Amino acid sequence: KLIELKHEHRDLDQVIERLLERQPVD
């Protein structure tokens, strides 16, 4: 479960970064 959660946490980092690059920011 810890491995899965860490993976999801890392994926969210990437999604947040991509979201911030798009204009307008949601």
mmCIF file of all heavy atoms, coordinates in Angstrom:
data_MODEL
# 
_entry.id   MODEL 
# 
loop_
_atom_site.group_PDB 
_atom_site.id 
_atom_site.type_symbol 
_atom_site.label_atom_id 
_atom_site.label_alt_id 
_atom_site.label_comp_id 
_atom_site.label_asym_id 
_atom_site.label_entity_id 
_atom_site.label_seq_id 
_atom_site.pdbx_PDB_ins_code 
_atom_site.Cartn_x 
_atom_site.Cartn_y 
_atom_site.Cartn_z 
_atom_site.occupancy 
_atom_site.B_iso_or_equiv 
_atom_site.pdbx_formal_charge 
_atom_site.auth_seq_id 
_atom_site.auth_comp_id 
_atom_site.auth_asym_id 
_atom_site.auth_atom_id 
_atom_site.pdbx_PDB_model_num 
ATOM 1   N N   . LYS A 1 1  ? 0.836   -1.203 0.000   1.00 0.00 ? 1  LYS A N   1 
ATOM 2   C CA  . LYS A 1 1  ? 0.000   0.000  0.000   1.00 0.00 ? 1  LYS A CA  1 
ATOM 3   C C   . LYS A 1 1  ? 0.872   1.254  0.000   1.00 0.00 ? 1  LYS A C   1 
ATOM 4   O O   . LYS A 1 1  ? 0.574   2.222  -0.702  1.00 0.00 ? 1  LYS A O   1 
ATOM 5   C CB  . LYS A 1 1  ? -0.913  -0.026 1.237   1.00 0.00 ? 1  LYS A CB  1 
ATOM 6   C CG  . LYS A 1 1  ? -1.852  1.116  1.333   1.00 0.00 ? 1  LYS A CG  1 
ATOM 7   C CD  . LYS A 1 1  ? -2.949  0.997  0.308   1.00 0.00 ? 1  LYS A CD  1 
ATOM 8   C CE  . LYS A 1 1  ? -3.979  2.091  0.522   1.00 0.00 ? 1  LYS A CE  1 
ATOM 9   N NZ  . LYS A 1 1  ? -4.980  2.101  -0.523  1.00 0.00 ? 1  LYS A NZ  1 
ATOM 10  N N   . LEU A 1 2  ? 1.959   1.220  0.754   1.00 0.00 ? 2  LEU A N   1 
ATOM 11  C CA  . LEU A 1 2  ? 2.884   2.348  0.827   1.00 0.00 ? 2  LEU A CA  1 
ATOM 12  C C   . LEU A 1 2  ? 3.490   2.642  -0.548  1.00 0.00 ? 2  LEU A C   1 
ATOM 13  O O   . LEU A 1 2  ? 3.559   3.801  -0.966  1.00 0.00 ? 2  LEU A O   1 
ATOM 14  C CB  . LEU A 1 2  ? 3.987   2.043  1.843   1.00 0.00 ? 2  LEU A CB  1 
ATOM 15  C CG  . LEU A 1 2  ? 4.968   3.143  2.154   1.00 0.00 ? 2  LEU A CG  1 
ATOM 16  C CD1 . LEU A 1 2  ? 4.279   4.362  2.748   1.00 0.00 ? 2  LEU A CD1 1 
ATOM 17  C CD2 . LEU A 1 2  ? 6.028   2.632  3.116   1.00 0.00 ? 2  LEU A CD2 1 
ATOM 18  N N   . ILE A 1 3  ? 3.867   1.623  -1.249  1.00 0.00 ? 3  ILE A N   1 
ATOM 19  C CA  . ILE A 1 3  ? 4.435   1.782  -2.593  1.00 0.00 ? 3  ILE A CA  1 
ATOM 20  C C   . ILE A 1 3  ? 3.401   2.411  -3.525  1.00 0.00 ? 3  ILE A C   1 
ATOM 21  O O   . ILE A 1 3  ? 3.710   3.339  -4.284  1.00 0.00 ? 3  ILE A O   1 
ATOM 22  C CB  . ILE A 1 3  ? 4.934   0.429  -3.141  1.00 0.00 ? 3  ILE A CB  1 
ATOM 23  C CG1 . ILE A 1 3  ? 6.173   -0.013 -2.370  1.00 0.00 ? 3  ILE A CG1 1 
ATOM 24  C CG2 . ILE A 1 3  ? 5.229   0.528  -4.640  1.00 0.00 ? 3  ILE A CG2 1 
ATOM 25  C CD1 . ILE A 1 3  ? 6.603   -1.433 -2.639  1.00 0.00 ? 3  ILE A CD1 1 
ATOM 26  N N   . GLU A 1 4  ? 2.161   1.927  -3.472  1.00 0.00 ? 4  GLU A N   1 
ATOM 27  C CA  . GLU A 1 4  ? 1.101   2.472  -4.313  1.00 0.00 ? 4  GLU A CA  1 
ATOM 28  C C   . GLU A 1 4  ? 0.849   3.945  -4.007  1.00 0.00 ? 4  GLU A C   1 
ATOM 29  O O   . GLU A 1 4  ? 0.702   4.765  -4.924  1.00 0.00 ? 4  GLU A O   1 
ATOM 30  C CB  . GLU A 1 4  ? -0.196  1.690  -4.098  1.00 0.00 ? 4  GLU A CB  1 
ATOM 31  C CG  . GLU A 1 4  ? -0.175  0.277  -4.622  1.00 0.00 ? 4  GLU A CG  1 
ATOM 32  C CD  . GLU A 1 4  ? -1.420  -0.501 -4.213  1.00 0.00 ? 4  GLU A CD  1 
ATOM 33  O OE1 . GLU A 1 4  ? -2.432  0.130  -3.837  1.00 0.00 ? 4  GLU A OE1 1 
ATOM 34  O OE2 . GLU A 1 4  ? -1.388  -1.740 -4.271  1.00 0.00 ? 4  GLU A OE2 1 
ATOM 35  N N   . LEU A 1 5  ? 0.800   4.278  -2.731  1.00 0.00 ? 5  LEU A N   1 
ATOM 36  C CA  . LEU A 1 5  ? 0.523   5.654  -2.333  1.00 0.00 ? 5  LEU A CA  1 
ATOM 37  C C   . LEU A 1 5  ? 1.656   6.593  -2.748  1.00 0.00 ? 5  LEU A C   1 
ATOM 38  O O   . LEU A 1 5  ? 1.416   7.716  -3.195  1.00 0.00 ? 5  LEU A O   1 
ATOM 39  C CB  . LEU A 1 5  ? 0.294   5.739  -0.827  1.00 0.00 ? 5  LEU A CB  1 
ATOM 40  C CG  . LEU A 1 5  ? -0.982  5.074  -0.317  1.00 0.00 ? 5  LEU A CG  1 
ATOM 41  C CD1 . LEU A 1 5  ? -1.005  5.096  1.207   1.00 0.00 ? 5  LEU A CD1 1 
ATOM 42  C CD2 . LEU A 1 5  ? -2.224  5.721  -0.882  1.00 0.00 ? 5  LEU A CD2 1 
ATOM 43  N N   . LYS A 1 6  ? 2.891   6.137  -2.600  1.00 0.00 ? 6  LYS A N   1 
ATOM 44  C CA  . LYS A 1 6  ? 4.032   6.960  -3.009  1.00 0.00 ? 6  LYS A CA  1 
ATOM 45  C C   . LYS A 1 6  ? 4.020   7.198  -4.517  1.00 0.00 ? 6  LYS A C   1 
ATOM 46  O O   . LYS A 1 6  ? 4.339   8.292  -4.987  1.00 0.00 ? 6  LYS A O   1 
ATOM 47  C CB  . LYS A 1 6  ? 5.348   6.309  -2.580  1.00 0.00 ? 6  LYS A CB  1 
ATOM 48  C CG  . LYS A 1 6  ? 5.631   6.464  -1.105  1.00 0.00 ? 6  LYS A CG  1 
ATOM 49  C CD  . LYS A 1 6  ? 6.969   5.877  -0.740  1.00 0.00 ? 6  LYS A CD  1 
ATOM 50  C CE  . LYS A 1 6  ? 7.303   6.147  0.719   1.00 0.00 ? 6  LYS A CE  1 
ATOM 51  N NZ  . LYS A 1 6  ? 8.639   5.656  1.080   1.00 0.00 ? 6  LYS A NZ  1 
ATOM 52  N N   . HIS A 1 7  ? 3.623   6.179  -5.255  1.00 0.00 ? 7  HIS A N   1 
ATOM 53  C CA  . HIS A 1 7  ? 3.538   6.303  -6.711  1.00 0.00 ? 7  HIS A CA  1 
ATOM 54  C C   . HIS A 1 7  ? 2.454   7.323  -7.086  1.00 0.00 ? 7  HIS A C   1 
ATOM 55  O O   . HIS A 1 7  ? 2.671   8.195  -7.939  1.00 0.00 ? 7  HIS A O   1 
ATOM 56  C CB  . HIS A 1 7  ? 3.243   4.935  -7.334  1.00 0.00 ? 7  HIS A CB  1 
ATOM 57  C CG  . HIS A 1 7  ? 3.213   4.949  -8.816  1.00 0.00 ? 7  HIS A CG  1 
ATOM 58  N ND1 . HIS A 1 7  ? 4.349   5.061  -9.583  1.00 0.00 ? 7  HIS A ND1 1 
ATOM 59  C CD2 . HIS A 1 7  ? 2.174   4.895  -9.677  1.00 0.00 ? 7  HIS A CD2 1 
ATOM 60  C CE1 . HIS A 1 7  ? 4.005   5.062  -10.862 1.00 0.00 ? 7  HIS A CE1 1 
ATOM 61  N NE2 . HIS A 1 7  ? 2.691   4.966  -10.944 1.00 0.00 ? 7  HIS A NE2 1 
ATOM 62  N N   . GLU A 1 8  ? 1.304   7.224  -6.449  1.00 0.00 ? 8  GLU A N   1 
ATOM 63  C CA  . GLU A 1 8  ? 0.224   8.168  -6.719  1.00 0.00 ? 8  GLU A CA  1 
ATOM 64  C C   . GLU A 1 8  ? 0.638   9.598  -6.338  1.00 0.00 ? 8  GLU A C   1 
ATOM 65  O O   . GLU A 1 8  ? 0.343   10.553 -7.061  1.00 0.00 ? 8  GLU A O   1 
ATOM 66  C CB  . GLU A 1 8  ? -1.035  7.768  -5.953  1.00 0.00 ? 8  GLU A CB  1 
ATOM 67  C CG  . GLU A 1 8  ? -2.219  8.645  -6.269  1.00 0.00 ? 8  GLU A CG  1 
ATOM 68  C CD  . GLU A 1 8  ? -3.492  8.240  -5.565  1.00 0.00 ? 8  GLU A CD  1 
ATOM 69  O OE1 . GLU A 1 8  ? -3.543  7.161  -4.927  1.00 0.00 ? 8  GLU A OE1 1 
ATOM 70  O OE2 . GLU A 1 8  ? -4.450  9.028  -5.641  1.00 0.00 ? 8  GLU A OE2 1 
ATOM 71  N N   . HIS A 1 9  ? 1.343   9.742  -5.225  1.00 0.00 ? 9  HIS A N   1 
ATOM 72  C CA  . HIS A 1 9  ? 1.821   11.048 -4.773  1.00 0.00 ? 9  HIS A CA  1 
ATOM 73  C C   . HIS A 1 9  ? 2.763   11.662 -5.812  1.00 0.00 ? 9  HIS A C   1 
ATOM 74  O O   . HIS A 1 9  ? 2.661   12.841 -6.162  1.00 0.00 ? 9  HIS A O   1 
ATOM 75  C CB  . HIS A 1 9  ? 2.523   10.883 -3.423  1.00 0.00 ? 9  HIS A CB  1 
ATOM 76  C CG  . HIS A 1 9  ? 2.882   12.157 -2.748  1.00 0.00 ? 9  HIS A CG  1 
ATOM 77  N ND1 . HIS A 1 9  ? 4.116   12.748 -2.911  1.00 0.00 ? 9  HIS A ND1 1 
ATOM 78  C CD2 . HIS A 1 9  ? 2.179   12.947 -1.906  1.00 0.00 ? 9  HIS A CD2 1 
ATOM 79  C CE1 . HIS A 1 9  ? 4.151   13.858 -2.198  1.00 0.00 ? 9  HIS A CE1 1 
ATOM 80  N NE2 . HIS A 1 9  ? 2.990   14.008 -1.572  1.00 0.00 ? 9  HIS A NE2 1 
ATOM 81  N N   . ARG A 1 10 ? 3.653   10.841 -6.347  1.00 0.00 ? 10 ARG A N   1 
ATOM 82  C CA  . ARG A 1 10 ? 4.610   11.282 -7.370  1.00 0.00 ? 10 ARG A CA  1 
ATOM 83  C C   . ARG A 1 10 ? 3.866   11.670 -8.657  1.00 0.00 ? 10 ARG A C   1 
ATOM 84  O O   . ARG A 1 10 ? 4.183   12.672 -9.290  1.00 0.00 ? 10 ARG A O   1 
ATOM 85  C CB  . ARG A 1 10 ? 5.610   10.156 -7.637  1.00 0.00 ? 10 ARG A CB  1 
ATOM 86  C CG  . ARG A 1 10 ? 6.918   10.578 -8.191  1.00 0.00 ? 10 ARG A CG  1 
ATOM 87  C CD  . ARG A 1 10 ? 7.974   9.477  -8.188  1.00 0.00 ? 10 ARG A CD  1 
ATOM 88  N NE  . ARG A 1 10 ? 7.477   8.117  -8.275  1.00 0.00 ? 10 ARG A NE  1 
ATOM 89  C CZ  . ARG A 1 10 ? 7.516   7.230  -7.254  1.00 0.00 ? 10 ARG A CZ  1 
ATOM 90  N NH1 . ARG A 1 10 ? 8.038   7.573  -6.096  1.00 0.00 ? 10 ARG A NH1 1 
ATOM 91  N NH2 . ARG A 1 10 ? 7.045   6.012  -7.398  1.00 0.00 ? 10 ARG A NH2 1 
ATOM 92  N N   . ASP A 1 11 ? 2.857   10.870 -9.025  1.00 0.00 ? 11 ASP A N   1 
ATOM 93  C CA  . ASP A 1 11 ? 2.061   11.173 -10.216 1.00 0.00 ? 11 ASP A CA  1 
ATOM 94  C C   . ASP A 1 11 ? 1.325   12.503 -10.067 1.00 0.00 ? 11 ASP A C   1 
ATOM 95  O O   . ASP A 1 11 ? 1.222   13.274 -11.018 1.00 0.00 ? 11 ASP A O   1 
ATOM 96  C CB  . ASP A 1 11 ? 1.048   10.061 -10.493 1.00 0.00 ? 11 ASP A CB  1 
ATOM 97  C CG  . ASP A 1 11 ? 1.697   8.794  -11.012 1.00 0.00 ? 11 ASP A CG  1 
ATOM 98  O OD1 . ASP A 1 11 ? 2.885   8.831  -11.406 1.00 0.00 ? 11 ASP A OD1 1 
ATOM 99  O OD2 . ASP A 1 11 ? 1.002   7.752  -11.025 1.00 0.00 ? 11 ASP A OD2 1 
ATOM 100 N N   . LEU A 1 12 ? 0.822   12.764 -8.871  1.00 0.00 ? 12 LEU A N   1 
ATOM 101 C CA  . LEU A 1 12 ? 0.127   14.025 -8.634  1.00 0.00 ? 12 LEU A CA  1 
ATOM 102 C C   . LEU A 1 12 ? 1.065   15.216 -8.807  1.00 0.00 ? 12 LEU A C   1 
ATOM 103 O O   . LEU A 1 12 ? 0.650   16.270 -9.299  1.00 0.00 ? 12 LEU A O   1 
ATOM 104 C CB  . LEU A 1 12 ? -0.493  14.039 -7.239  1.00 0.00 ? 12 LEU A CB  1 
ATOM 105 C CG  . LEU A 1 12 ? -1.859  13.392 -7.116  1.00 0.00 ? 12 LEU A CG  1 
ATOM 106 C CD1 . LEU A 1 12 ? -2.283  13.349 -5.652  1.00 0.00 ? 12 LEU A CD1 1 
ATOM 107 C CD2 . LEU A 1 12 ? -2.907  14.087 -7.934  1.00 0.00 ? 12 LEU A CD2 1 
ATOM 108 N N   . ASP A 1 13 ? 2.322   15.047 -8.415  1.00 0.00 ? 13 ASP A N   1 
ATOM 109 C CA  . ASP A 1 13 ? 3.322   16.101 -8.632  1.00 0.00 ? 13 ASP A CA  1 
ATOM 110 C C   . ASP A 1 13 ? 3.380   16.473 -10.116 1.00 0.00 ? 13 ASP A C   1 
ATOM 111 O O   . ASP A 1 13 ? 3.371   17.650 -10.474 1.00 0.00 ? 13 ASP A O   1 
ATOM 112 C CB  . ASP A 1 13 ? 4.711   15.638 -8.193  1.00 0.00 ? 13 ASP A CB  1 
ATOM 113 C CG  . ASP A 1 13 ? 5.009   15.923 -6.744  1.00 0.00 ? 13 ASP A CG  1 
ATOM 114 O OD1 . ASP A 1 13 ? 4.361   16.813 -6.159  1.00 0.00 ? 13 ASP A OD1 1 
ATOM 115 O OD2 . ASP A 1 13 ? 5.910   15.267 -6.195  1.00 0.00 ? 13 ASP A OD2 1 
ATOM 116 N N   . GLN A 1 14 ? 3.441   15.469 -10.954 1.00 0.00 ? 14 GLN A N   1 
ATOM 117 C CA  . GLN A 1 14 ? 3.545   15.694 -12.395 1.00 0.00 ? 14 GLN A CA  1 
ATOM 118 C C   . GLN A 1 14 ? 2.278   16.342 -12.945 1.00 0.00 ? 14 GLN A C   1 
ATOM 119 O O   . GLN A 1 14 ? 2.347   17.253 -13.770 1.00 0.00 ? 14 GLN A O   1 
ATOM 120 C CB  . GLN A 1 14 ? 3.827   14.377 -13.112 1.00 0.00 ? 14 GLN A CB  1 
ATOM 121 C CG  . GLN A 1 14 ? 5.179   13.799 -12.761 1.00 0.00 ? 14 GLN A CG  1 
ATOM 122 C CD  . GLN A 1 14 ? 5.388   12.400 -13.312 1.00 0.00 ? 14 GLN A CD  1 
ATOM 123 O OE1 . GLN A 1 14 ? 4.467   11.801 -13.873 1.00 0.00 ? 14 GLN A OE1 1 
ATOM 124 N NE2 . GLN A 1 14 ? 6.588   11.868 -13.138 1.00 0.00 ? 14 GLN A NE2 1 
ATOM 125 N N   . VAL A 1 15 ? 1.129   15.886 -12.482 1.00 0.00 ? 15 VAL A N   1 
ATOM 126 C CA  . VAL A 1 15 ? -0.136  16.450 -12.948 1.00 0.00 ? 15 VAL A CA  1 
ATOM 127 C C   . VAL A 1 15 ? -0.240  17.923 -12.545 1.00 0.00 ? 15 VAL A C   1 
ATOM 128 O O   . VAL A 1 15 ? -0.650  18.772 -13.348 1.00 0.00 ? 15 VAL A O   1 
ATOM 129 C CB  . VAL A 1 15 ? -1.339  15.644 -12.385 1.00 0.00 ? 15 VAL A CB  1 
ATOM 130 C CG1 . VAL A 1 15 ? -2.640  16.350 -12.688 1.00 0.00 ? 15 VAL A CG1 1 
ATOM 131 C CG2 . VAL A 1 15 ? -1.350  14.229 -12.930 1.00 0.00 ? 15 VAL A CG2 1 
ATOM 132 N N   . ILE A 1 16 ? 0.156   18.224 -11.324 1.00 0.00 ? 16 ILE A N   1 
ATOM 133 C CA  . ILE A 1 16 ? 0.108   19.611 -10.841 1.00 0.00 ? 16 ILE A CA  1 
ATOM 134 C C   . ILE A 1 16 ? 1.051   20.499 -11.660 1.00 0.00 ? 16 ILE A C   1 
ATOM 135 O O   . ILE A 1 16 ? 0.689   21.610 -12.048 1.00 0.00 ? 16 ILE A O   1 
ATOM 136 C CB  . ILE A 1 16 ? 0.436   19.672 -9.332  1.00 0.00 ? 16 ILE A CB  1 
ATOM 137 C CG1 . ILE A 1 16 ? -0.727  19.070 -8.529  1.00 0.00 ? 16 ILE A CG1 1 
ATOM 138 C CG2 . ILE A 1 16 ? 0.729   21.100 -8.887  1.00 0.00 ? 16 ILE A CG2 1 
ATOM 139 C CD1 . ILE A 1 16 ? -0.442  18.858 -7.060  1.00 0.00 ? 16 ILE A CD1 1 
ATOM 140 N N   . GLU A 1 17 ? 2.236   19.993 -11.962 1.00 0.00 ? 17 GLU A N   1 
ATOM 141 C CA  . GLU A 1 17 ? 3.183   20.759 -12.769 1.00 0.00 ? 17 GLU A CA  1 
ATOM 142 C C   . GLU A 1 17 ? 2.604   21.065 -14.146 1.00 0.00 ? 17 GLU A C   1 
ATOM 143 O O   . GLU A 1 17 ? 2.695   22.200 -14.634 1.00 0.00 ? 17 GLU A O   1 
ATOM 144 C CB  . GLU A 1 17 ? 4.495   19.994 -12.930 1.00 0.00 ? 17 GLU A CB  1 
ATOM 145 C CG  . GLU A 1 17 ? 5.389   20.044 -11.720 1.00 0.00 ? 17 GLU A CG  1 
ATOM 146 C CD  . GLU A 1 17 ? 6.675   19.258 -11.913 1.00 0.00 ? 17 GLU A CD  1 
ATOM 147 O OE1 . GLU A 1 17 ? 7.158   19.197 -13.069 1.00 0.00 ? 17 GLU A OE1 1 
ATOM 148 O OE2 . GLU A 1 17 ? 7.182   18.714 -10.930 1.00 0.00 ? 17 GLU A OE2 1 
ATOM 149 N N   . ARG A 1 18 ? 2.001   20.065 -14.782 1.00 0.00 ? 18 ARG A N   1 
ATOM 150 C CA  . ARG A 1 18 ? 1.407   20.272 -16.106 1.00 0.00 ? 18 ARG A CA  1 
ATOM 151 C C   . ARG A 1 18 ? 0.240   21.246 -16.050 1.00 0.00 ? 18 ARG A C   1 
ATOM 152 O O   . ARG A 1 18 ? 0.059   22.064 -16.944 1.00 0.00 ? 18 ARG A O   1 
ATOM 153 C CB  . ARG A 1 18 ? 0.951   18.949 -16.715 1.00 0.00 ? 18 ARG A CB  1 
ATOM 154 C CG  . ARG A 1 18 ? 2.115   18.183 -17.350 1.00 0.00 ? 18 ARG A CG  1 
ATOM 155 C CD  . ARG A 1 18 ? 1.629   16.937 -17.939 1.00 0.00 ? 18 ARG A CD  1 
ATOM 156 N NE  . ARG A 1 18 ? 1.345   16.074 -16.787 1.00 0.00 ? 18 ARG A NE  1 
ATOM 157 C CZ  . ARG A 1 18 ? 0.997   14.813 -16.843 1.00 0.00 ? 18 ARG A CZ  1 
ATOM 158 N NH1 . ARG A 1 18 ? 0.823   14.224 -17.981 1.00 0.00 ? 18 ARG A NH1 1 
ATOM 159 N NH2 . ARG A 1 18 ? 0.786   14.109 -15.750 1.00 0.00 ? 18 ARG A NH2 1 
ATOM 160 N N   . LEU A 1 19 ? -0.537  21.152 -15.004 1.00 0.00 ? 19 LEU A N   1 
ATOM 161 C CA  . LEU A 1 19 ? -1.679  22.046 -14.842 1.00 0.00 ? 19 LEU A CA  1 
ATOM 162 C C   . LEU A 1 19 ? -1.215  23.498 -14.715 1.00 0.00 ? 19 LEU A C   1 
ATOM 163 O O   . LEU A 1 19 ? -1.834  24.408 -15.263 1.00 0.00 ? 19 LEU A O   1 
ATOM 164 C CB  . LEU A 1 19 ? -2.496  21.630 -13.619 1.00 0.00 ? 19 LEU A CB  1 
ATOM 165 C CG  . LEU A 1 19 ? -3.788  22.390 -13.362 1.00 0.00 ? 19 LEU A CG  1 
ATOM 166 C CD1 . LEU A 1 19 ? -4.773  22.172 -14.507 1.00 0.00 ? 19 LEU A CD1 1 
ATOM 167 C CD2 . LEU A 1 19 ? -4.421  21.940 -12.056 1.00 0.00 ? 19 LEU A CD2 1 
ATOM 168 N N   . LEU A 1 20 ? -0.121  23.704 -14.005 1.00 0.00 ? 20 LEU A N   1 
ATOM 169 C CA  . LEU A 1 20 ? 0.406   25.057 -13.816 1.00 0.00 ? 20 LEU A CA  1 
ATOM 170 C C   . LEU A 1 20 ? 0.993   25.645 -15.106 1.00 0.00 ? 20 LEU A C   1 
ATOM 171 O O   . LEU A 1 20 ? 1.049   26.854 -15.270 1.00 0.00 ? 20 LEU A O   1 
ATOM 172 C CB  . LEU A 1 20 ? 1.467   25.067 -12.716 1.00 0.00 ? 20 LEU A CB  1 
ATOM 173 C CG  . LEU A 1 20 ? 0.925   24.914 -11.291 1.00 0.00 ? 20 LEU A CG  1 
ATOM 174 C CD1 . LEU A 1 20 ? 2.072   24.704 -10.311 1.00 0.00 ? 20 LEU A CD1 1 
ATOM 175 C CD2 . LEU A 1 20 ? 0.089   26.119 -10.899 1.00 0.00 ? 20 LEU A CD2 1 
ATOM 176 N N   . GLU A 1 21 ? 1.408   24.775 -16.022 1.00 0.00 ? 21 GLU A N   1 
ATOM 177 C CA  . GLU A 1 21 ? 1.979   25.238 -17.283 1.00 0.00 ? 21 GLU A CA  1 
ATOM 178 C C   . GLU A 1 21 ? 0.908   25.714 -18.256 1.00 0.00 ? 21 GLU A C   1 
ATOM 179 O O   . GLU A 1 21 ? 1.187   26.500 -19.140 1.00 0.00 ? 21 GLU A O   1 
ATOM 180 C CB  . GLU A 1 21 ? 2.802   24.119 -17.935 1.00 0.00 ? 21 GLU A CB  1 
ATOM 181 C CG  . GLU A 1 21 ? 4.060   23.785 -17.167 1.00 0.00 ? 21 GLU A CG  1 
ATOM 182 C CD  . GLU A 1 21 ? 4.758   22.543 -17.700 1.00 0.00 ? 21 GLU A CD  1 
ATOM 183 O OE1 . GLU A 1 21 ? 4.207   21.870 -18.596 1.00 0.00 ? 21 GLU A OE1 1 
ATOM 184 O OE2 . GLU A 1 21 ? 5.849   22.237 -17.199 1.00 0.00 ? 21 GLU A OE2 1 
ATOM 185 N N   . ARG A 1 22 ? -0.304  25.223 -18.099 1.00 0.00 ? 22 ARG A N   1 
ATOM 186 C CA  . ARG A 1 22 ? -1.396  25.592 -19.003 1.00 0.00 ? 22 ARG A CA  1 
ATOM 187 C C   . ARG A 1 22 ? -2.019  26.919 -18.585 1.00 0.00 ? 22 ARG A C   1 
ATOM 188 O O   . ARG A 1 22 ? -2.120  27.220 -17.403 1.00 0.00 ? 22 ARG A O   1 
ATOM 189 C CB  . ARG A 1 22 ? -2.491  24.525 -18.998 1.00 0.00 ? 22 ARG A CB  1 
ATOM 190 C CG  . ARG A 1 22 ? -2.120  23.278 -19.737 1.00 0.00 ? 22 ARG A CG  1 
ATOM 191 C CD  . ARG A 1 22 ? -3.294  22.410 -19.931 1.00 0.00 ? 22 ARG A CD  1 
ATOM 192 N NE  . ARG A 1 22 ? -3.872  22.064 -18.622 1.00 0.00 ? 22 ARG A NE  1 
ATOM 193 C CZ  . ARG A 1 22 ? -4.919  21.291 -18.463 1.00 0.00 ? 22 ARG A CZ  1 
ATOM 194 N NH1 . ARG A 1 22 ? -5.526  20.785 -19.491 1.00 0.00 ? 22 ARG A NH1 1 
ATOM 195 N NH2 . ARG A 1 22 ? -5.376  21.020 -17.260 1.00 0.00 ? 22 ARG A NH2 1 
ATOM 196 N N   . GLN A 1 23 ? -2.454  27.658 -19.569 1.00 0.00 ? 23 GLN A N   1 
ATOM 197 C CA  . GLN A 1 23 ? -3.153  28.915 -19.302 1.00 0.00 ? 23 GLN A CA  1 
ATOM 198 C C   . GLN A 1 23 ? -4.551  28.819 -19.885 1.00 0.00 ? 23 GLN A C   1 
ATOM 199 O O   . GLN A 1 23 ? -4.698  28.318 -20.987 1.00 0.00 ? 23 GLN A O   1 
ATOM 200 C CB  . GLN A 1 23 ? -2.391  30.091 -19.896 1.00 0.00 ? 23 GLN A CB  1 
ATOM 201 C CG  . GLN A 1 23 ? -1.046  30.322 -19.258 1.00 0.00 ? 23 GLN A CG  1 
ATOM 202 C CD  . GLN A 1 23 ? -1.138  30.667 -17.778 1.00 0.00 ? 23 GLN A CD  1 
ATOM 203 O OE1 . GLN A 1 23 ? -2.069  31.325 -17.342 1.00 0.00 ? 23 GLN A OE1 1 
ATOM 204 N NE2 . GLN A 1 23 ? -0.182  30.197 -17.004 1.00 0.00 ? 23 GLN A NE2 1 
ATOM 205 N N   . PRO A 1 24 ? -5.561  29.252 -19.245 1.00 0.00 ? 24 PRO A N   1 
ATOM 206 C CA  . PRO A 1 24 ? -5.577  29.745 -17.873 1.00 0.00 ? 24 PRO A CA  1 
ATOM 207 C C   . PRO A 1 24 ? -5.502  28.595 -16.876 1.00 0.00 ? 24 PRO A C   1 
ATOM 208 O O   . PRO A 1 24 ? -5.920  27.471 -17.180 1.00 0.00 ? 24 PRO A O   1 
ATOM 209 C CB  . PRO A 1 24 ? -6.928  30.468 -17.760 1.00 0.00 ? 24 PRO A CB  1 
ATOM 210 C CG  . PRO A 1 24 ? -7.802  29.752 -18.735 1.00 0.00 ? 24 PRO A CG  1 
ATOM 211 C CD  . PRO A 1 24 ? -6.887  29.311 -19.869 1.00 0.00 ? 24 PRO A CD  1 
ATOM 212 N N   . VAL A 1 25 ? -4.997  28.868 -15.709 1.00 0.00 ? 25 VAL A N   1 
ATOM 213 C CA  . VAL A 1 25 ? -4.846  27.850 -14.669 1.00 0.00 ? 25 VAL A CA  1 
ATOM 214 C C   . VAL A 1 25 ? -6.205  27.612 -14.010 1.00 0.00 ? 25 VAL A C   1 
ATOM 215 O O   . VAL A 1 25 ? -6.901  28.553 -13.647 1.00 0.00 ? 25 VAL A O   1 
ATOM 216 C CB  . VAL A 1 25 ? -3.813  28.296 -13.608 1.00 0.00 ? 25 VAL A CB  1 
ATOM 217 C CG1 . VAL A 1 25 ? -3.731  27.305 -12.472 1.00 0.00 ? 25 VAL A CG1 1 
ATOM 218 C CG2 . VAL A 1 25 ? -2.451  28.484 -14.248 1.00 0.00 ? 25 VAL A CG2 1 
ATOM 219 N N   . ASP A 1 26 ? -6.560  26.342 -13.897 1.00 0.00 ? 26 ASP A N   1 
ATOM 220 C CA  . ASP A 1 26 ? -7.806  25.967 -13.217 1.00 0.00 ? 26 ASP A CA  1 
ATOM 221 C C   . ASP A 1 26 ? -7.495  25.839 -11.727 1.00 0.00 ? 26 ASP A C   1 
ATOM 222 O O   . ASP A 1 26 ? -7.061  24.786 -11.254 1.00 0.00 ? 26 ASP A O   1 
ATOM 223 C CB  . ASP A 1 26 ? -8.340  24.661 -13.788 1.00 0.00 ? 26 ASP A CB  1 
ATOM 224 C CG  . ASP A 1 26 ? -9.671  24.246 -13.202 1.00 0.00 ? 26 ASP A CG  1 
ATOM 225 O OD1 . ASP A 1 26 ? -10.101 24.831 -12.181 1.00 0.00 ? 26 ASP A OD1 1 
ATOM 226 O OD2 . ASP A 1 26 ? -10.285 23.310 -13.763 1.00 0.00 ? 26 ASP A OD2 1 
# 
